[in-house]
Amino acid sequence: MPIAHAEGNYYSESLDSVRITFQYSDEKGEITEDANPNGSLLNIAGISNEKGNVLGMMPHPERASDKWLGSEDGLRIFKSMVEYAKR
């Protein structure tokens, strides 16, 4: 999935209330140092609040949500949000 964070990365003094929702990984899903493009703590690419209704993330699924953009991988995230809202 595309990323566009320039020099940004995730860091925290405490992980007590952090809910990790996405982590940078390699093609096999392995969380490795080489798969971390920005030095983010624990390869964190996305976090949410305790209720799970607020999400902050570095990858940009909107840039991979249609074939003409080169990938539809990000569309899964948007579809899951729609399904959740329907419930």
PDB file of N, CA and C in Angstrom:
ATOM      1  N   MET A   1       0.843  -1.170   0.000  1.00  0.00           N
ATOM      2  CA  MET A   1       0.000   0.000   0.000  1.00  0.00           C
ATOM      3  C   MET A   1       0.891   1.237   0.000  1.00  0.00           C
ATOM      4  N   PRO A   2       0.528   2.239  -0.732  1.00  0.00           N
ATOM      5  CA  PRO A   2       1.358   3.446  -0.792  1.00  0.00           C
ATOM      6  C   PRO A   2       1.493   4.127   0.567  1.00  0.00           C
ATOM      7  N   ILE A   3       2.646   4.710   0.782  1.00  0.00           N
ATOM      8  CA  ILE A   3       2.880   5.522   1.967  1.00  0.00           C
ATOM      9  C   ILE A   3       3.333   6.895   1.502  1.00  0.00           C
ATOM     10  N   ALA A   4       3.046   7.905   2.294  1.00  0.00           N
ATOM     11  CA  ALA A   4       3.451   9.272   1.952  1.00  0.00           C
ATOM     12  C   ALA A   4       3.638  10.040   3.250  1.00  0.00           C
ATOM     13  N   HIS A   5       4.707   9.742   3.930  1.00  0.00           N
ATOM     14  CA  HIS A   5       4.904  10.345   5.231  1.00  0.00           C
ATOM     15  C   HIS A   5       6.143  11.227   5.290  1.00  0.00           C
ATOM     16  N   ALA A   6       6.834  11.343   4.188  1.00  0.00           N
ATOM     17  CA  ALA A   6       8.055  12.153   4.161  1.00  0.00           C
ATOM     18  C   ALA A   6       8.967  11.745   5.307  1.00  0.00           C
ATOM     19  N   GLU A   7       9.005  12.532   6.355  1.00  0.00           N
ATOM     20  CA  GLU A   7       9.898  12.229   7.457  1.00  0.00           C
ATOM     21  C   GLU A   7       9.159  11.751   8.704  1.00  0.00           C
ATOM     22  N   GLY A   8       7.860  11.536   8.607  1.00  0.00           N
ATOM     23  CA  GLY A   8       7.079  11.161   9.776  1.00  0.00           C
ATOM     24  C   GLY A   8       7.261   9.710  10.179  1.00  0.00           C
ATOM     25  N   ASN A   9       7.112   9.436  11.466  1.00  0.00           N
ATOM     26  CA  ASN A   9       7.087   8.074  11.969  1.00  0.00           C
ATOM     27  C   ASN A   9       6.398   8.077  13.329  1.00  0.00           C
ATOM     28  N   TYR A  10       6.038   6.898  13.797  1.00  0.00           N
ATOM     29  CA  TYR A  10       5.336   6.793  15.060  1.00  0.00           C
ATOM     30  C   TYR A  10       6.331   6.572  16.188  1.00  0.00           C
ATOM     31  N   TYR A  11       6.123   7.292  17.277  1.00  0.00           N
ATOM     32  CA  TYR A  11       6.892   7.057  18.492  1.00  0.00           C
ATOM     33  C   TYR A  11       5.996   7.380  19.676  1.00  0.00           C
ATOM     34  N   SER A  12       6.320   6.821  20.819  1.00  0.00           N
ATOM     35  CA  SER A  12       5.529   7.052  22.012  1.00  0.00           C
ATOM     36  C   SER A  12       6.398   6.815  23.236  1.00  0.00           C
ATOM     37  N   GLU A  13       6.117   7.544  24.294  1.00  0.00           N
ATOM     38  CA  GLU A  13       6.816   7.310  25.549  1.00  0.00           C
ATOM     39  C   GLU A  13       6.180   6.148  26.307  1.00  0.00           C
ATOM     40  N   SER A  14       4.932   5.840  25.982  1.00  0.00           N
ATOM     41  CA  SER A  14       4.230   4.746  26.639  1.00  0.00           C
ATOM     42  C   SER A  14       3.300   4.074  25.636  1.00  0.00           C
ATOM     43  N   LEU A  15       3.260   2.770  25.673  1.00  0.00           N
ATOM     44  CA  LEU A  15       2.365   2.015  24.787  1.00  0.00           C
ATOM     45  C   LEU A  15       1.167   1.459  25.553  1.00  0.00           C
ATOM     46  N   ASP A  16       0.944   1.950  26.774  1.00  0.00           N
ATOM     47  CA  ASP A  16      -0.111   1.416  27.629  1.00  0.00           C
ATOM     48  C   ASP A  16      -1.499   1.471  27.000  1.00  0.00           C
ATOM     49  N   SER A  17      -1.856   2.575  26.383  1.00  0.00           N
ATOM     50  CA  SER A  17      -3.211   2.709  25.835  1.00  0.00           C
ATOM     51  C   SER A  17      -3.231   2.678  24.309  1.00  0.00           C
ATOM     52  N   VAL A  18      -2.133   2.267  23.696  1.00  0.00           N
ATOM     53  CA  VAL A  18      -2.044   2.244  22.233  1.00  0.00           C
ATOM     54  C   VAL A  18      -2.593   0.931  21.695  1.00  0.00           C
ATOM     55  N   ARG A  19      -3.499   1.030  20.736  1.00  0.00           N
ATOM     56  CA  ARG A  19      -4.002  -0.152  20.038  1.00  0.00           C
ATOM     57  C   ARG A  19      -3.388  -0.146  18.643  1.00  0.00           C
ATOM     58  N   ILE A  20      -2.454  -1.032  18.402  1.00  0.00           N
ATOM     59  CA  ILE A  20      -1.790  -1.111  17.102  1.00  0.00           C
ATOM     60  C   ILE A  20      -2.742  -1.801  16.128  1.00  0.00           C
ATOM     61  N   THR A  21      -3.045  -1.130  15.030  1.00  0.00           N
ATOM     62  CA  THR A  21      -3.957  -1.691  14.032  1.00  0.00           C
ATOM     63  C   THR A  21      -3.242  -2.126  12.760  1.00  0.00           C
ATOM     64  N   PHE A  22      -2.133  -1.480  12.431  1.00  0.00           N
ATOM     65  CA  PHE A  22      -1.350  -1.819  11.246  1.00  0.00           C
ATOM     66  C   PHE A  22       0.125  -1.751  11.579  1.00  0.00           C
ATOM     67  N   GLN A  23       0.892  -2.678  11.015  1.00  0.00           N
ATOM     68  CA  GLN A  23       2.344  -2.641  11.141  1.00  0.00           C
ATOM     69  C   GLN A  23       2.961  -2.863   9.768  1.00  0.00           C
ATOM     70  N   TYR A  24       4.088  -2.215   9.532  1.00  0.00           N
ATOM     71  CA  TYR A  24       4.822  -2.433   8.295  1.00  0.00           C
ATOM     72  C   TYR A  24       5.376  -3.857   8.300  1.00  0.00           C
ATOM     73  N   SER A  25       5.221  -4.554   7.176  1.00  0.00           N
ATOM     74  CA  SER A  25       5.710  -5.931   7.069  1.00  0.00           C
ATOM     75  C   SER A  25       6.243  -6.178   5.669  1.00  0.00           C
ATOM     76  N   ASP A  26       6.920  -7.307   5.509  1.00  0.00           N
ATOM     77  CA  ASP A  26       7.380  -7.689   4.172  1.00  0.00           C
ATOM     78  C   ASP A  26       6.245  -8.409   3.432  1.00  0.00           C
ATOM     79  N   GLU A  27       6.519  -8.878   2.240  1.00  0.00           N
ATOM     80  CA  GLU A  27       5.501  -9.531   1.402  1.00  0.00           C
ATOM     81  C   GLU A  27       4.910 -10.776   2.061  1.00  0.00           C
ATOM     82  N   LYS A  28       5.666 -11.379   2.972  1.00  0.00           N
ATOM     83  CA  LYS A  28       5.195 -12.593   3.653  1.00  0.00           C
ATOM     84  C   LYS A  28       4.440 -12.280   4.942  1.00  0.00           C
ATOM     85  N   GLY A  29       4.342 -10.990   5.268  1.00  0.00           N
ATOM     86  CA  GLY A  29       3.671 -10.591   6.501  1.00  0.00           C
ATOM     87  C   GLY A  29       4.563 -10.583   7.716  1.00  0.00           C
ATOM     88  N   GLU A  30       5.872 -10.739   7.508  1.00  0.00           N
ATOM     89  CA  GLU A  30       6.827 -10.730   8.614  1.00  0.00           C
ATOM     90  C   GLU A  30       7.154  -9.290   9.008  1.00  0.00           C
ATOM     91  N   ILE A  31       7.094  -9.021  10.303  1.00  0.00           N
ATOM     92  CA  ILE A  31       7.432  -7.700  10.832  1.00  0.00           C
ATOM     93  C   ILE A  31       8.949  -7.663  11.017  1.00  0.00           C
ATOM     94  N   THR A  32       9.625  -6.976  10.104  1.00  0.00           N
ATOM     95  CA  THR A  32      11.083  -6.931  10.142  1.00  0.00           C
ATOM     96  C   THR A  32      11.576  -5.480  10.089  1.00  0.00           C
ATOM     97  N   GLU A  33      12.793  -5.283  10.514  1.00  0.00           N
ATOM     98  CA  GLU A  33      13.399  -3.955  10.455  1.00  0.00           C
ATOM     99  C   GLU A  33      13.495  -3.460   9.012  1.00  0.00           C
ATOM    100  N   ASP A  34      13.807  -4.357   8.084  1.00  0.00           N
ATOM    101  CA  ASP A  34      13.922  -3.972   6.670  1.00  0.00           C
ATOM    102  C   ASP A  34      12.587  -3.536   6.071  1.00  0.00           C
ATOM    103  N   ALA A  35      11.477  -4.000   6.648  1.00  0.00           N
ATOM    104  CA  ALA A  35      10.158  -3.642   6.125  1.00  0.00           C
ATOM    105  C   ALA A  35       9.668  -2.303   6.665  1.00  0.00           C
ATOM    106  N   ASN A  36      10.407  -1.728   7.585  1.00  0.00           N
ATOM    107  CA  ASN A  36      10.011  -0.478   8.223  1.00  0.00           C
ATOM    108  C   ASN A  36      10.613   0.699   7.455  1.00  0.00           C
ATOM    109  N   PRO A  37       9.811   1.424   6.664  1.00  0.00           N
ATOM    110  CA  PRO A  37      10.368   2.466   5.796  1.00  0.00           C
ATOM    111  C   PRO A  37      10.753   3.764   6.504  1.00  0.00           C
ATOM    112  N   ASN A  38      10.310   3.942   7.758  1.00  0.00           N
ATOM    113  CA  ASN A  38      10.541   5.234   8.391  1.00  0.00           C
ATOM    114  C   ASN A  38      11.056   5.160   9.827  1.00  0.00           C
ATOM    115  N   GLY A  39      11.409   3.986  10.293  1.00  0.00           N
ATOM    116  CA  GLY A  39      11.925   3.852  11.643  1.00  0.00           C
ATOM    117  C   GLY A  39      10.874   3.931  12.732  1.00  0.00           C
ATOM    118  N   SER A  40       9.632   3.724  12.371  1.00  0.00           N
ATOM    119  CA  SER A  40       8.535   3.783  13.317  1.00  0.00           C
ATOM    120  C   SER A  40       8.690   2.738  14.425  1.00  0.00           C
ATOM    121  N   LEU A  41       8.380   3.117  15.650  1.00  0.00           N
ATOM    122  CA  LEU A  41       8.435   2.230  16.802  1.00  0.00           C
ATOM    123  C   LEU A  41       7.608   0.977  16.551  1.00  0.00           C
ATOM    124  N   LEU A  42       8.192  -0.201  16.735  1.00  0.00           N
ATOM    125  CA  LEU A  42       7.514  -1.496  16.550  1.00  0.00           C
ATOM    126  C   LEU A  42       6.894  -1.662  15.160  1.00  0.00           C
ATOM    127  N   ASN A  43       7.437  -0.958  14.174  1.00  0.00           N
ATOM    128  CA  ASN A  43       6.919  -0.994  12.798  1.00  0.00           C
ATOM    129  C   ASN A  43       5.471  -0.497  12.721  1.00  0.00           C
ATOM    130  N   ILE A  44       5.067   0.347  13.656  1.00  0.00           N
ATOM    131  CA  ILE A  44       3.682   0.804  13.707  1.00  0.00           C
ATOM    132  C   ILE A  44       3.366   1.672  12.501  1.00  0.00           C
ATOM    133  N   ALA A  45       2.298   1.270  11.792  1.00  0.00           N
ATOM    134  CA  ALA A  45       1.806   2.023  10.642  1.00  0.00           C
ATOM    135  C   ALA A  45       0.429   2.617  10.911  1.00  0.00           C
ATOM    136  N   GLY A  46      -0.264   2.111  11.937  1.00  0.00           N
ATOM    137  CA  GLY A  46      -1.580   2.629  12.276  1.00  0.00           C
ATOM    138  C   GLY A  46      -1.966   2.290  13.696  1.00  0.00           C
ATOM    139  N   ILE A  47      -2.692   3.216  14.334  1.00  0.00           N
ATOM    140  CA  ILE A  47      -3.183   3.010  15.690  1.00  0.00           C
ATOM    141  C   ILE A  47      -4.646   3.437  15.759  1.00  0.00           C
ATOM    142  N   SER A  48      -5.339   2.953  16.779  1.00  0.00           N
ATOM    143  CA  SER A  48      -6.716   3.394  16.995  1.00  0.00           C
ATOM    144  C   SER A  48      -6.922   3.690  18.473  1.00  0.00           C
ATOM    145  N   ASN A  49      -8.017   4.363  18.756  1.00  0.00           N
ATOM    146  CA  ASN A  49      -8.361   4.610  20.153  1.00  0.00           C
ATOM    147  C   ASN A  49      -8.943   3.337  20.770  1.00  0.00           C
ATOM    148  N   GLU A  50      -9.214   3.370  22.069  1.00  0.00           N
ATOM    149  CA  GLU A  50      -9.681   2.170  22.768  1.00  0.00           C
ATOM    150  C   GLU A  50     -11.009   1.651  22.222  1.00  0.00           C
ATOM    151  N   LYS A  51     -11.906   2.539  21.797  1.00  0.00           N
ATOM    152  CA  LYS A  51     -13.196   2.103  21.242  1.00  0.00           C
ATOM    153  C   LYS A  51     -13.044   1.534  19.839  1.00  0.00           C
ATOM    154  N   GLY A  52     -11.941   1.854  19.177  1.00  0.00           N
ATOM    155  CA  GLY A  52     -11.725   1.371  17.822  1.00  0.00           C
ATOM    156  C   GLY A  52     -12.454   2.157  16.756  1.00  0.00           C
ATOM    157  N   ASN A  53     -12.984   3.321  17.114  1.00  0.00           N
ATOM    158  CA  ASN A  53     -13.731   4.113  16.145  1.00  0.00           C
ATOM    159  C   ASN A  53     -12.961   5.316  15.601  1.00  0.00           C
ATOM    160  N   VAL A  54     -11.708   5.480  16.042  1.00  0.00           N
ATOM    161  CA  VAL A  54     -10.836   6.526  15.502  1.00  0.00           C
ATOM    162  C   VAL A  54      -9.528   5.859  15.092  1.00  0.00           C
ATOM    163  N   LEU A  55      -9.125   6.074  13.856  1.00  0.00           N
ATOM    164  CA  LEU A  55      -7.935   5.434  13.303  1.00  0.00           C
ATOM    165  C   LEU A  55      -6.980   6.486  12.766  1.00  0.00           C
ATOM    166  N   GLY A  56      -5.724   6.331  13.093  1.00  0.00           N
ATOM    167  CA  GLY A  56      -4.674   7.156  12.510  1.00  0.00           C
ATOM    168  C   GLY A  56      -3.679   6.224  11.849  1.00  0.00           C
ATOM    169  N   MET A  57      -3.327   6.515  10.599  1.00  0.00           N
ATOM    170  CA  MET A  57      -2.403   5.614   9.910  1.00  0.00           C
ATOM    171  C   MET A  57      -1.526   6.370   8.924  1.00  0.00           C
ATOM    172  N   MET A  58      -0.347   5.808   8.659  1.00  0.00           N
ATOM    173  CA  MET A  58       0.594   6.397   7.718  1.00  0.00           C
ATOM    174  C   MET A  58       0.354   5.942   6.277  1.00  0.00           C
ATOM    175  N   PRO A  59       0.033   4.672   6.052  1.00  0.00           N
ATOM    176  CA  PRO A  59      -0.254   4.269   4.669  1.00  0.00           C
ATOM    177  C   PRO A  59      -1.488   4.998   4.149  1.00  0.00           C
ATOM    178  N   HIS A  60      -1.588   5.085   2.857  1.00  0.00           N
ATOM    179  CA  HIS A  60      -2.690   5.805   2.223  1.00  0.00           C
ATOM    180  C   HIS A  60      -3.515   4.854   1.358  1.00  0.00           C
ATOM    181  N   PRO A  61      -4.541   4.216   1.934  1.00  0.00           N
ATOM    182  CA  PRO A  61      -5.348   3.277   1.159  1.00  0.00           C
ATOM    183  C   PRO A  61      -6.090   3.935  -0.004  1.00  0.00           C
ATOM    184  N   GLU A  62      -6.359   5.230   0.107  1.00  0.00           N
ATOM    185  CA  GLU A  62      -7.050   5.920  -0.989  1.00  0.00           C
ATOM    186  C   GLU A  62      -6.205   5.965  -2.261  1.00  0.00           C
ATOM    187  N   ARG A  63      -4.909   5.803  -2.118  1.00  0.00           N
ATOM    188  CA  ARG A  63      -4.015   5.802  -3.278  1.00  0.00           C
ATOM    189  C   ARG A  63      -3.877   4.412  -3.897  1.00  0.00           C
ATOM    190  N   ALA A  64      -4.610   3.449  -3.334  1.00  0.00           N
ATOM    191  CA  ALA A  64      -4.611   2.082  -3.868  1.00  0.00           C
ATOM    192  C   ALA A  64      -6.035   1.536  -3.791  1.00  0.00           C
ATOM    193  N   SER A  65      -6.985   2.315  -4.331  1.00  0.00           N
ATOM    194  CA  SER A  65      -8.381   1.914  -4.211  1.00  0.00           C
ATOM    195  C   SER A  65      -9.085   1.749  -5.547  1.00  0.00           C
ATOM    196  N   ASP A  66      -8.325   1.765  -6.619  1.00  0.00           N
ATOM    197  CA  ASP A  66      -8.923   1.580  -7.943  1.00  0.00           C
ATOM    198  C   ASP A  66      -7.852   1.058  -8.905  1.00  0.00           C
ATOM    199  N   LYS A  67      -8.282   0.246  -9.865  1.00  0.00           N
ATOM    200  CA  LYS A  67      -7.322  -0.327 -10.820  1.00  0.00           C
ATOM    201  C   LYS A  67      -6.518   0.743 -11.543  1.00  0.00           C
ATOM    202  N   TRP A  68      -7.159   1.846 -11.897  1.00  0.00           N
ATOM    203  CA  TRP A  68      -6.435   2.874 -12.656  1.00  0.00           C
ATOM    204  C   TRP A  68      -5.359   3.550 -11.802  1.00  0.00           C
ATOM    205  N   LEU A  69      -5.411   3.362 -10.474  1.00  0.00           N
ATOM    206  CA  LEU A  69      -4.350   3.860  -9.605  1.00  0.00           C
ATOM    207  C   LEU A  69      -3.206   2.858  -9.474  1.00  0.00           C
ATOM    208  N   GLY A  70      -3.424   1.651  -9.999  1.00  0.00           N
ATOM    209  CA  GLY A  70      -2.379   0.633  -9.980  1.00  0.00           C
ATOM    210  C   GLY A  70      -2.609  -0.489  -8.991  1.00  0.00           C
ATOM    211  N   SER A  71      -3.591  -0.331  -8.095  1.00  0.00           N
ATOM    212  CA  SER A  71      -3.872  -1.369  -7.098  1.00  0.00           C
ATOM    213  C   SER A  71      -5.238  -1.118  -6.477  1.00  0.00           C
ATOM    214  N   GLU A  72      -5.867  -2.200  -6.065  1.00  0.00           N
ATOM    215  CA  GLU A  72      -7.124  -2.100  -5.322  1.00  0.00           C
ATOM    216  C   GLU A  72      -6.954  -2.597  -3.887  1.00  0.00           C
ATOM    217  N   ASP A  73      -5.714  -2.760  -3.435  1.00  0.00           N
ATOM    218  CA  ASP A  73      -5.450  -3.273  -2.096  1.00  0.00           C
ATOM    219  C   ASP A  73      -6.081  -2.412  -0.999  1.00  0.00           C
ATOM    220  N   GLY A  74      -6.066  -1.116  -1.160  1.00  0.00           N
ATOM    221  CA  GLY A  74      -6.614  -0.217  -0.146  1.00  0.00           C
ATOM    222  C   GLY A  74      -8.123  -0.237  -0.063  1.00  0.00           C
ATOM    223  N   LEU A  75      -8.767  -0.701  -1.113  1.00  0.00           N
ATOM    224  CA  LEU A  75     -10.227  -0.739  -1.148  1.00  0.00           C
ATOM    225  C   LEU A  75     -10.789  -1.620  -0.039  1.00  0.00           C
ATOM    226  N   ARG A  76     -10.062  -2.643   0.350  1.00  0.00           N
ATOM    227  CA  ARG A  76     -10.515  -3.537   1.417  1.00  0.00           C
ATOM    228  C   ARG A  76     -10.758  -2.772   2.719  1.00  0.00           C
ATOM    229  N   ILE A  77      -9.933  -1.794   2.998  1.00  0.00           N
ATOM    230  CA  ILE A  77     -10.104  -1.010   4.226  1.00  0.00           C
ATOM    231  C   ILE A  77     -11.394  -0.215   4.170  1.00  0.00           C
ATOM    232  N   PHE A  78     -11.658   0.431   3.051  1.00  0.00           N
ATOM    233  CA  PHE A  78     -12.879   1.227   2.925  1.00  0.00           C
ATOM    234  C   PHE A  78     -14.133   0.354   2.949  1.00  0.00           C
ATOM    235  N   LYS A  79     -14.072  -0.789   2.293  1.00  0.00           N
ATOM    236  CA  LYS A  79     -15.215  -1.703   2.309  1.00  0.00           C
ATOM    237  C   LYS A  79     -15.483  -2.218   3.723  1.00  0.00           C
ATOM    238  N   SER A  80     -14.429  -2.480   4.483  1.00  0.00           N
ATOM    239  CA  SER A  80     -14.625  -2.962   5.854  1.00  0.00           C
ATOM    240  C   SER A  80     -15.273  -1.887   6.724  1.00  0.00           C
ATOM    241  N   MET A  81     -14.937  -0.614   6.476  1.00  0.00           N
ATOM    242  CA  MET A  81     -15.560   0.466   7.234  1.00  0.00           C
ATOM    243  C   MET A  81     -17.048   0.571   6.915  1.00  0.00           C
ATOM    244  N   VAL A  82     -17.408   0.409   5.651  1.00  0.00           N
ATOM    245  CA  VAL A  82     -18.813   0.447   5.246  1.00  0.00           C
ATOM    246  C   VAL A  82     -19.578  -0.701   5.893  1.00  0.00           C
ATOM    247  N   GLU A  83     -19.003  -1.891   5.863  1.00  0.00           N
ATOM    248  CA  GLU A  83     -19.650  -3.053   6.490  1.00  0.00           C
ATOM    249  C   GLU A  83     -19.826  -2.837   7.992  1.00  0.00           C
ATOM    250  N   TYR A  84     -18.831  -2.275   8.631  1.00  0.00           N
ATOM    251  CA  TYR A  84     -18.926  -2.020  10.072  1.00  0.00           C
ATOM    252  C   TYR A  84     -20.041  -1.012  10.351  1.00  0.00           C
ATOM    253  N   ALA A  85     -20.121   0.031   9.544  1.00  0.00           N
ATOM    254  CA  ALA A  85     -21.155   1.058   9.749  1.00  0.00           C
ATOM    255  C   ALA A  85     -22.563   0.483   9.531  1.00  0.00           C
ATOM    256  N   LYS A  86     -22.687  -0.476   8.633  1.00  0.00           N
ATOM    257  CA  LYS A  86     -24.005  -1.093   8.397  1.00  0.00           C
ATOM    258  C   LYS A  86     -24.498  -1.856   9.620  1.00  0.00           C
ATOM    259  N   ARG A  87     -23.535  -2.421  10.364  1.00  0.00           N
ATOM    260  CA  ARG A  87     -23.927  -3.191  11.569  1.00  0.00           C
ATOM    261  C   ARG A  87     -24.323  -2.237  12.662  1.00  0.00           C
TER     262      ARG A  87
END
